[in-house]
Amino acid sequence: MANPFEPITIAGMEIRNRFLRSATWDASATDDGEVTDTSVKIIGGLARGGVGLIVPGYAYVTDEGKAAPHQYGISGDRHIKGLRRLVNVAHDHGARIASQIAHGGINTRLLMRRDGPALGPSRVEGHPWEHRAMTADEIEATVRDFAAAAVRAREAGFDAVQLHAAHGYLMNQFLSPLTNLRTDEWGGSPEKRRRFHVEVLRAVRQAVGDDYPVLMKIGLRDRAEGGMTLDEGLETLKALAGQGLSAVEISTGVGSGSTVTARPDDPERVYFREDAAAAKRAVAIPVALVGGIRAFPTVESILDGDADMVSLCRPLIRENDLIARWQRGDRAPAKCLSCNKCFAFGLRGEPLECGEEYRLRQEAAEEQQRAGQRSDP
């Protein structure tokens, strides 16, 4: 069994422990995707808190690919200077940092109110937002956009880049038979549906070189009837490992959001453990697992053969020093309730924070106010 606090090396990148902070929309960037002081504070807190590899939230590779307000941008050279601030604060406290690069595809209209249709692999009947199928030229241009974004990530000093191929965004849309209805060279069979992934990976690898870690976050199956099966997802992963993918983080695909609420009767449900274990058997590259990990004994058991790293997201919103606490010997479970109230802040246009901690602070402030009123003469 791997020690959670022992280093791991991914394509020459040495990480101080087996804990990955999974990319999280923190809603701290400006309207134009620029890093702010709040962004730096968030990443600095995670680095000081002991995380080995930090992946900041989704950074859009084109302005059209922006999926939510106040996301990070990596669509132009103008973003490099600010992104370098995130790199510097992570490195100052001993952490590694990878830029997650992404495009929202047909889901860019979920939170972004824009004129005109969103772009995706196909037009999907019944989809709630206006969208249309990309032309072959637009697909090829988007492949180049991913490669250009990866170059900017390397120039900004990120230790790695992570391609976002999960949660129903563009790469995931190309892979899923639910959202890729094409019958040309970009769809119609499992091999053709995975072509976008292969071409993006090839373009990125060519752009950044063989010595730079290229990671991917992927859903190996869809959570909806008629979607991609686990076997097909594993075949895709094996093809990508053969094309130079450095490591993979296992999450979910089309048909489920990026967050899952824990059930009261099963608070320690590790959502995608079976998929990660299957990936670990299928490929030789390091595998990370995200979703529902809250207890230290669970971390240890996952690292006993099912994955090489564990990824945490919501627990680190409530306790950004959770890893350091566990390393000091306090192995109490994370305080996170998986209630998802944290994302309400982003929806209001405010930086992400724990909704439960916010509630407790508000209650304490109200009680203090009442106590003051009672003590007034």
Protein backbone atom coordinates (compact mmCIF):
# COMPACT_ATOMS: atom_id res chain seq x y z
CA MET A 1 0.00 0.00 0.00
CA ALA A 2 1.31 3.46 -0.91
CA ASN A 3 1.82 5.89 1.93
CA PRO A 4 -0.47 8.89 1.26
CA PHE A 5 2.37 11.19 2.25
CA GLU A 6 5.10 9.70 0.09
CA PRO A 7 6.09 11.45 -3.15
CA ILE A 8 4.99 10.37 -6.60
CA THR A 9 6.59 11.27 -9.91
CA ILE A 10 4.52 11.83 -13.06
CA ALA A 11 6.51 12.26 -16.27
CA GLY A 12 9.40 13.80 -14.37
CA MET A 13 7.19 15.99 -12.13
CA GLU A 14 7.82 15.04 -8.50
CA ILE A 15 4.82 15.67 -6.23
CA ARG A 16 5.34 15.74 -2.48
CA ASN A 17 2.40 13.46 -1.63
CA ARG A 18 -0.52 11.53 -3.13
CA PHE A 19 -3.13 14.30 -2.71
CA LEU A 20 -4.48 16.19 -5.72
CA ARG A 21 -6.77 19.17 -5.42
CA SER A 22 -9.32 18.53 -8.13
CA ALA A 23 -10.15 21.49 -10.36
CA THR A 24 -12.91 23.58 -8.80
CA TRP A 25 -14.80 26.59 -10.13
CA ASP A 26 -13.86 29.18 -7.51
CA ALA A 27 -15.50 32.17 -9.31
CA SER A 28 -12.59 34.39 -8.32
CA ALA A 29 -11.42 35.59 -11.75
CA THR A 30 -12.50 38.82 -13.40
CA ASP A 31 -15.13 38.95 -16.13
CA ASP A 32 -12.25 38.67 -18.61
CA GLY A 33 -10.77 35.60 -16.93
CA GLU A 34 -7.92 37.42 -15.22
CA VAL A 35 -6.44 36.17 -11.96
CA THR A 36 -7.29 38.31 -8.89
CA ASP A 37 -5.84 38.66 -5.39
CA THR A 38 -8.64 36.36 -4.22
CA SER A 39 -7.50 33.72 -6.73
CA VAL A 40 -3.95 33.92 -5.37
CA LYS A 41 -5.23 33.67 -1.80
CA ILE A 42 -7.21 30.51 -2.61
CA ILE A 43 -4.27 28.75 -4.29
CA GLY A 44 -1.86 29.91 -1.59
CA GLY A 45 -4.11 28.48 1.12
CA LEU A 46 -4.21 25.11 -0.61
CA ALA A 47 -0.44 25.03 -1.05
CA ARG A 48 0.20 25.98 2.57
CA GLY A 49 -2.40 23.39 3.57
CA GLY A 50 -0.30 20.54 2.22
CA VAL A 51 -1.86 19.65 -1.14
CA GLY A 52 0.67 17.93 -3.41
CA LEU A 53 -0.74 18.87 -6.83
CA ILE A 54 -3.18 21.76 -7.22
CA VAL A 55 -5.42 22.03 -10.27
CA PRO A 56 -7.15 25.43 -10.31
CA GLY A 57 -10.60 25.64 -11.88
CA TYR A 58 -11.46 25.27 -15.56
CA ALA A 59 -9.54 27.69 -17.81
CA TYR A 60 -11.25 28.29 -21.15
CA VAL A 61 -9.18 27.80 -24.29
CA THR A 62 -11.35 30.18 -26.33
CA ASP A 63 -13.64 32.95 -25.19
CA GLU A 64 -16.54 31.05 -26.77
CA GLY A 65 -15.65 28.04 -24.61
CA LYS A 66 -16.21 29.87 -21.31
CA ALA A 67 -18.87 27.96 -19.38
CA ALA A 68 -19.43 30.05 -16.23
CA PRO A 69 -18.86 33.60 -14.98
CA HIS A 70 -15.53 34.44 -13.39
CA GLN A 71 -13.74 31.37 -14.73
CA TYR A 72 -10.03 31.56 -15.45
CA GLY A 73 -9.07 32.35 -19.02
CA ILE A 74 -6.16 30.92 -20.97
CA SER A 75 -7.47 31.94 -24.37
CA GLY A 76 -4.94 34.69 -24.97
CA ASP A 77 -1.42 35.74 -24.07
CA ARG A 78 -2.96 38.48 -21.93
CA HIS A 79 -3.77 35.82 -19.31
CA ILE A 80 -0.22 34.54 -18.86
CA LYS A 81 1.01 37.18 -16.43
CA GLY A 82 -1.86 36.62 -14.00
CA LEU A 83 -1.68 32.85 -14.22
CA ARG A 84 1.99 33.07 -13.33
CA ARG A 85 0.90 34.52 -9.96
CA LEU A 86 -0.93 31.26 -9.19
CA VAL A 87 2.15 29.27 -10.14
CA ASN A 88 4.41 31.37 -7.95
CA VAL A 89 2.29 31.14 -4.83
CA ALA A 90 1.92 27.37 -5.24
CA HIS A 91 5.66 26.90 -5.69
CA ASP A 92 6.43 29.21 -2.77
CA HIS A 93 4.75 26.69 -0.48
CA GLY A 94 6.05 23.48 -2.02
CA ALA A 95 3.10 22.45 -4.16
CA ARG A 96 2.97 21.54 -7.82
CA ILE A 97 0.29 23.12 -10.00
CA ALA A 98 -1.39 22.10 -13.26
CA SER A 99 -3.63 24.21 -15.48
CA GLN A 100 -6.91 22.58 -16.45
CA ILE A 101 -7.80 23.67 -19.99
CA ALA A 102 -11.32 23.23 -21.32
CA HIS A 103 -14.15 24.21 -23.63
CA GLY A 104 -17.80 23.99 -22.57
CA GLY A 105 -19.23 23.00 -25.95
CA ILE A 106 -23.02 23.00 -26.06
CA ASN A 107 -23.13 23.66 -22.31
CA THR A 108 -21.51 27.09 -22.52
CA ARG A 109 -25.02 28.59 -22.37
CA LEU A 110 -25.77 26.94 -19.02
CA LEU A 111 -24.58 30.00 -17.08
CA MET A 112 -23.21 32.29 -19.79
CA ARG A 113 -25.98 34.39 -21.32
CA ARG A 114 -24.77 35.12 -24.84
CA ASP A 115 -26.36 35.78 -28.19
CA GLY A 116 -26.10 33.05 -30.78
CA PRO A 117 -25.82 29.29 -30.54
CA ALA A 118 -23.22 27.38 -28.58
CA LEU A 119 -20.97 25.02 -30.54
CA GLY A 120 -20.66 21.27 -30.06
CA PRO A 121 -20.23 18.00 -31.91
CA SER A 122 -23.91 17.77 -32.87
CA ARG A 123 -27.28 19.33 -32.43
CA VAL A 124 -29.00 17.33 -29.69
CA GLU A 125 -32.80 17.29 -29.80
CA GLY A 126 -34.35 18.48 -26.57
CA HIS A 127 -31.22 20.15 -25.25
CA PRO A 128 -32.33 23.24 -23.30
CA TRP A 129 -29.84 25.75 -24.77
CA GLU A 130 -29.44 27.04 -28.30
CA HIS A 131 -26.58 25.24 -30.05
CA ARG A 132 -25.41 23.86 -33.37
CA ALA A 133 -22.96 21.31 -34.73
CA MET A 134 -19.40 22.46 -35.36
CA THR A 135 -18.03 22.37 -38.87
CA ALA A 136 -14.92 20.31 -39.59
CA ASP A 137 -12.91 23.54 -39.83
CA GLU A 138 -14.22 24.67 -36.43
CA ILE A 139 -13.26 21.34 -34.89
CA GLU A 140 -9.74 21.56 -36.24
CA ALA A 141 -9.45 25.17 -35.05
CA THR A 142 -10.53 24.10 -31.56
CA VAL A 143 -7.87 21.39 -31.53
CA ARG A 144 -5.34 24.14 -32.25
CA ASP A 145 -6.88 26.28 -29.48
CA PHE A 146 -6.19 23.53 -26.94
CA ALA A 147 -2.58 23.30 -28.11
CA ALA A 148 -2.11 27.08 -27.90
CA ALA A 149 -3.58 27.10 -24.40
CA ALA A 150 -1.16 24.36 -23.32
CA VAL A 151 1.75 26.46 -24.58
CA ARG A 152 0.50 29.39 -22.51
CA ALA A 153 0.26 27.14 -19.46
CA ARG A 154 3.86 26.07 -19.87
CA GLU A 155 4.97 29.66 -20.44
CA ALA A 156 3.17 30.72 -17.26
CA GLY A 157 5.21 28.12 -15.36
CA PHE A 158 2.59 25.46 -14.66
CA ASP A 159 4.16 22.09 -13.90
CA ALA A 160 1.61 20.29 -16.08
CA VAL A 161 -1.55 20.76 -18.08
CA GLN A 162 -4.79 18.83 -17.59
CA LEU A 163 -7.29 18.34 -20.42
CA HIS A 164 -10.88 18.46 -19.15
CA ALA A 165 -12.73 15.55 -20.75
CA ALA A 166 -15.43 15.02 -18.10
CA HIS A 167 -18.67 16.51 -16.77
CA GLY A 168 -20.42 16.93 -20.10
CA TYR A 169 -18.10 19.57 -21.53
CA LEU A 170 -16.86 19.62 -25.13
CA MET A 171 -14.33 16.78 -25.02
CA ASN A 172 -16.84 14.62 -23.13
CA GLN A 173 -19.51 15.56 -25.70
CA PHE A 174 -17.37 14.24 -28.54
CA LEU A 175 -16.84 10.94 -26.73
CA SER A 176 -20.44 10.26 -25.74
CA PRO A 177 -23.00 8.72 -28.14
CA LEU A 178 -25.61 10.85 -26.35
CA THR A 179 -24.09 14.09 -27.64
CA ASN A 180 -21.99 13.06 -30.64
CA LEU A 181 -24.44 12.09 -33.39
CA ARG A 182 -22.06 12.77 -36.26
CA THR A 183 -21.51 10.33 -39.10
CA ASP A 184 -18.32 11.86 -40.51
CA GLU A 185 -14.71 11.31 -39.43
CA TRP A 186 -15.52 12.81 -36.00
CA GLY A 187 -18.32 10.42 -35.05
CA GLY A 188 -20.39 7.36 -35.85
CA SER A 189 -18.26 4.73 -34.07
CA PRO A 190 -16.35 4.55 -30.78
CA GLU A 191 -13.07 5.00 -32.65
CA LYS A 192 -14.31 8.11 -34.46
CA ARG A 193 -15.94 9.58 -31.34
CA ARG A 194 -12.60 9.38 -29.54
CA ARG A 195 -10.74 11.00 -32.45
CA PHE A 196 -11.15 14.51 -30.95
CA HIS A 197 -9.41 13.36 -27.77
CA VAL A 198 -6.59 11.77 -29.73
CA GLU A 199 -6.11 14.81 -31.96
CA VAL A 200 -6.16 17.24 -29.02
CA LEU A 201 -3.63 15.13 -27.13
CA ARG A 202 -1.38 14.85 -30.19
CA ALA A 203 -1.54 18.59 -30.84
CA VAL A 204 -0.85 19.44 -27.21
CA ARG A 205 2.00 16.95 -26.98
CA GLN A 206 3.57 18.33 -30.15
CA ALA A 207 3.20 21.89 -28.85
CA VAL A 208 4.65 21.39 -25.36
CA GLY A 209 7.15 18.61 -26.05
CA ASP A 210 7.63 15.09 -24.79
CA ASP A 211 9.08 16.21 -21.45
CA TYR A 212 5.99 18.07 -20.21
CA PRO A 213 3.31 16.23 -18.19
CA VAL A 214 -0.06 16.15 -19.96
CA LEU A 215 -2.88 14.89 -17.74
CA MET A 216 -6.57 14.34 -18.38
CA LYS A 217 -9.71 14.39 -16.26
CA ILE A 218 -12.18 11.98 -17.82
CA GLY A 219 -15.46 10.22 -17.26
CA LEU A 220 -15.02 6.61 -18.37
CA ARG A 221 -18.76 6.15 -18.75
CA ASP A 222 -21.94 8.17 -18.95
CA ARG A 223 -24.55 8.19 -16.22
CA ALA A 224 -27.54 8.05 -18.55
CA GLU A 225 -29.31 5.39 -20.61
CA GLY A 226 -27.72 4.85 -23.99
CA GLY A 227 -24.49 6.53 -22.98
CA MET A 228 -20.89 5.43 -23.20
CA THR A 229 -20.10 2.19 -21.38
CA LEU A 230 -17.18 1.55 -19.08
CA ASP A 231 -15.62 -0.87 -21.58
CA GLU A 232 -15.68 1.80 -24.28
CA GLY A 233 -14.22 4.36 -21.87
CA LEU A 234 -11.38 1.99 -21.01
CA GLU A 235 -10.61 1.46 -24.70
CA THR A 236 -10.41 5.23 -25.10
CA LEU A 237 -8.09 5.50 -22.11
CA LYS A 238 -5.79 2.80 -23.49
CA ALA A 239 -5.63 4.62 -26.82
CA LEU A 240 -4.73 7.89 -25.07
CA ALA A 241 -2.08 6.23 -22.90
CA GLY A 242 -0.56 4.97 -26.12
CA GLN A 243 -0.46 8.52 -27.48
CA GLY A 244 1.57 9.91 -24.58
CA LEU A 245 -0.95 10.76 -21.86
CA SER A 246 0.99 11.13 -18.60
CA ALA A 247 -1.73 10.48 -15.99
CA VAL A 248 -5.50 10.39 -15.65
CA GLU A 249 -8.02 11.59 -13.07
CA ILE A 250 -11.23 9.55 -13.04
CA SER A 251 -14.54 11.37 -12.65
CA THR A 252 -17.89 11.16 -14.48
CA GLY A 253 -19.26 11.72 -17.95
CA VAL A 254 -22.43 12.95 -19.62
CA GLY A 255 -25.59 12.55 -17.55
CA SER A 256 -24.24 13.69 -14.19
CA GLY A 257 -23.03 17.03 -12.97
CA SER A 258 -19.57 17.67 -11.61
CA THR A 259 -20.89 17.42 -8.05
CA VAL A 260 -22.72 14.61 -6.30
CA THR A 261 -24.54 14.92 -3.01
CA ALA A 262 -23.77 12.28 -0.42
CA ARG A 263 -26.65 10.22 0.93
CA PRO A 264 -27.23 10.46 4.70
CA ASP A 265 -27.25 6.65 4.92
CA ASP A 266 -23.94 6.35 3.05
CA PRO A 267 -21.79 9.39 3.82
CA GLU A 268 -18.53 7.74 2.74
CA ARG A 269 -19.61 6.76 -0.77
CA VAL A 270 -16.63 6.93 -3.14
CA TYR A 271 -18.47 7.64 -6.35
CA PHE A 272 -16.18 6.35 -9.11
CA ARG A 273 -13.95 3.85 -7.34
CA GLU A 274 -14.91 0.94 -9.57
CA ASP A 275 -13.97 2.96 -12.66
CA ALA A 276 -10.62 3.99 -11.21
CA ALA A 277 -9.78 0.41 -10.27
CA ALA A 278 -10.62 -0.68 -13.80
CA ALA A 279 -8.43 2.08 -15.22
CA LYS A 280 -5.57 1.05 -12.94
CA ARG A 281 -5.77 -2.47 -14.37
CA ALA A 282 -6.03 -1.23 -17.96
CA VAL A 283 -3.16 1.28 -18.23
CA ALA A 284 0.32 1.74 -16.79
CA ILE A 285 0.06 5.51 -16.25
CA PRO A 286 -0.76 6.95 -12.77
CA VAL A 287 -4.47 7.07 -11.90
CA ALA A 288 -6.15 9.57 -9.57
CA LEU A 289 -9.67 9.19 -8.18
CA VAL A 290 -12.07 11.98 -7.21
CA GLY A 291 -15.51 11.91 -5.62
CA GLY A 292 -16.81 11.31 -2.10
CA ILE A 293 -13.47 10.82 -0.35
CA ARG A 294 -13.82 12.16 3.18
CA ALA A 295 -12.04 9.77 5.60
CA PHE A 296 -8.33 9.01 5.94
CA PRO A 297 -8.78 5.21 6.13
CA THR A 298 -10.62 5.44 2.81
CA VAL A 299 -7.64 7.28 1.32
CA GLU A 300 -5.36 4.46 2.48
CA SER A 301 -7.63 1.76 1.09
CA ILE A 302 -7.92 3.49 -2.30
CA LEU A 303 -4.15 3.71 -2.54
CA ASP A 304 -3.96 -0.03 -1.81
CA GLY A 305 -4.37 -0.90 -5.48
CA ASP A 306 -7.30 1.10 -6.86
CA ALA A 307 -5.50 4.39 -7.59
CA ASP A 308 -2.13 6.12 -7.24
CA MET A 309 -3.50 9.47 -6.01
CA VAL A 310 -6.68 10.74 -4.39
CA SER A 311 -8.37 13.95 -5.51
CA LEU A 312 -10.31 16.20 -3.18
CA CYS A 313 -12.48 19.16 -4.06
CA ARG A 314 -15.27 20.18 -1.69
CA PRO A 315 -13.46 19.04 1.51
CA LEU A 316 -10.69 21.53 0.71
CA ILE A 317 -13.22 24.35 0.35
CA ARG A 318 -14.17 23.91 3.99
CA GLU A 319 -10.68 22.94 5.22
CA ASN A 320 -7.87 24.03 2.93
CA ASP A 321 -5.41 22.66 5.52
CA LEU A 322 -7.02 19.20 5.66
CA ILE A 323 -3.96 17.42 4.25
CA ALA A 324 -1.62 19.10 6.74
CA ARG A 325 -4.03 18.20 9.55
CA TRP A 326 -4.02 14.55 8.53
CA GLN A 327 -0.23 14.58 8.20
CA ARG A 328 0.11 16.02 11.73
CA GLY A 329 -1.75 12.96 13.02
CA ASP A 330 -5.28 14.35 13.40
CA ARG A 331 -7.06 11.79 11.24
CA ALA A 332 -10.63 12.89 11.93
CA PRO A 333 -12.75 12.85 8.76
CA ALA A 334 -13.14 15.94 6.64
CA LYS A 335 -15.84 18.28 7.90
CA CYS A 336 -17.39 18.58 4.41
CA LEU A 337 -21.04 17.47 4.25
CA SER A 338 -21.20 17.28 0.43
CA CYS A 339 -24.20 19.61 0.60
CA ASN A 340 -23.09 21.64 -2.46
CA LYS A 341 -24.07 24.93 -0.82
CA CYS A 342 -20.57 26.18 -1.67
CA PHE A 343 -21.50 26.59 -5.34
CA ALA A 344 -24.31 29.01 -4.52
CA PHE A 345 -21.66 31.68 -3.99
CA GLY A 346 -20.37 31.31 -7.53
CA LEU A 347 -23.91 31.45 -8.90
CA ARG A 348 -24.31 34.77 -7.11
CA GLY A 349 -21.07 36.03 -8.62
CA GLU A 350 -19.09 35.69 -5.40
CA PRO A 351 -15.89 33.68 -4.82
CA LEU A 352 -16.42 30.12 -3.66
CA GLU A 353 -16.60 29.35 0.05
CA CYS A 354 -18.10 26.70 2.30
CA GLY A 355 -21.81 27.30 2.77
CA GLU A 356 -21.85 25.50 6.10
CA GLU A 357 -18.99 27.58 7.51
CA TYR A 358 -20.76 30.70 6.24
CA ARG A 359 -23.95 29.63 8.02
CA LEU A 360 -22.10 29.01 11.27
CA ARG A 361 -20.42 32.42 11.08
CA GLN A 362 -23.75 34.10 10.45
CA GLU A 363 -25.36 32.32 13.39
CA ALA A 364 -22.46 33.23 15.66
CA ALA A 365 -22.66 36.88 14.59
CA GLU A 366 -26.41 36.95 15.21
CA GLU A 367 -26.00 35.36 18.63
CA GLN A 368 -23.29 37.90 19.49
CA GLN A 369 -25.62 40.70 18.43
CA ARG A 370 -28.45 39.31 20.56
CA ALA A 371 -26.10 38.95 23.52
CA GLY A 372 -25.07 42.56 23.11
CA GLN A 373 -28.68 43.68 23.04
CA ARG A 374 -29.44 41.72 26.21
CA SER A 375 -26.53 43.35 28.03
CA ASP A 376 -27.52 46.90 27.10
CA PRO A 377 -28.76 48.88 30.15
